[in-house]
């Protein structure tokens, strides 16, 4: 079964305009200065907030 009317390019693109991906937002860790995701623990030092820090194992070669 075929569609009754063809959907134009502009109409199709208007419908899909909100589906674009947004880039990740990073913040600087106040402890070590590395980039990290907001509201997440730092992967380098384990800092979360002034009252909490997570132990991070360092890789030894």
Protein backbone atom coordinates (compact mmCIF):
# COMPACT_ATOMS: atom_id res chain seq x y z
CA UNK A 1 0.00 0.00 0.00
CA UNK A 2 1.39 3.39 -0.98
CA UNK A 3 1.02 6.67 0.88
CA UNK A 4 -1.78 8.87 -0.40
CA UNK A 5 0.38 11.98 -0.62
CA UNK A 6 4.12 12.47 -0.70
CA UNK A 7 5.64 14.17 2.34
CA UNK A 8 7.80 17.11 1.28
CA UNK A 9 11.41 17.50 2.39
CA UNK A 10 10.66 20.57 4.48
CA UNK A 11 7.80 18.89 6.29
CA UNK A 12 9.92 15.83 7.03
CA UNK A 13 12.81 17.99 8.26
CA UNK A 14 10.52 20.06 10.51
CA UNK A 15 9.33 16.89 12.18
CA UNK A 16 12.89 15.66 12.74
CA UNK A 17 14.33 19.00 13.86
CA UNK A 18 14.19 18.09 17.56
CA UNK A 19 16.04 14.78 17.10
CA UNK A 20 19.51 16.32 16.76
CA UNK A 21 22.14 15.19 19.28
CA UNK A 22 23.51 17.72 21.73
CA UNK A 23 27.19 17.66 22.72
CA UNK A 24 28.21 16.48 26.19
CA UNK A 25 28.76 19.24 28.74
CA UNK A 26 31.88 18.88 30.86
CA UNK A 27 32.96 20.83 33.94
CA UNK A 28 36.36 21.17 35.59
CA UNK A 29 37.01 19.18 38.75
CA UNK A 30 37.65 21.70 41.58
CA UNK A 31 40.17 19.29 43.15
CA UNK A 32 42.48 18.37 40.25
CA UNK A 33 41.22 20.43 37.29
CA UNK A 34 40.45 17.53 34.94
CA UNK A 35 37.27 17.49 32.85
CA UNK A 36 34.38 15.48 34.32
CA UNK A 37 30.65 15.11 33.87
CA UNK A 38 28.56 17.31 36.18
CA UNK A 39 27.06 15.60 39.25
CA UNK A 40 29.45 12.64 38.80
CA UNK A 41 32.65 11.58 40.52
CA UNK A 42 35.94 12.62 38.95
CA UNK A 43 37.70 9.72 37.23
CA UNK A 44 41.13 11.03 38.16
CA UNK A 45 40.87 11.89 41.87
CA UNK A 46 37.40 10.59 42.88
CA UNK A 47 36.14 13.97 44.09
CA UNK A 48 32.34 14.31 44.23
CA UNK A 49 31.65 17.16 46.64
CA UNK A 50 33.50 18.65 49.65
CA UNK A 51 32.01 16.08 52.06
CA UNK A 52 32.48 12.99 49.86
CA UNK A 53 35.28 11.45 47.84
CA UNK A 54 35.54 8.00 46.23
CA UNK A 55 38.73 5.93 46.30
CA UNK A 56 40.13 5.57 42.78
CA UNK A 57 42.62 2.80 42.00
CA UNK A 58 45.60 4.03 40.03
CA UNK A 59 47.01 1.88 37.23
CA UNK A 60 50.62 0.86 37.80
CA UNK A 61 52.66 -0.34 34.85
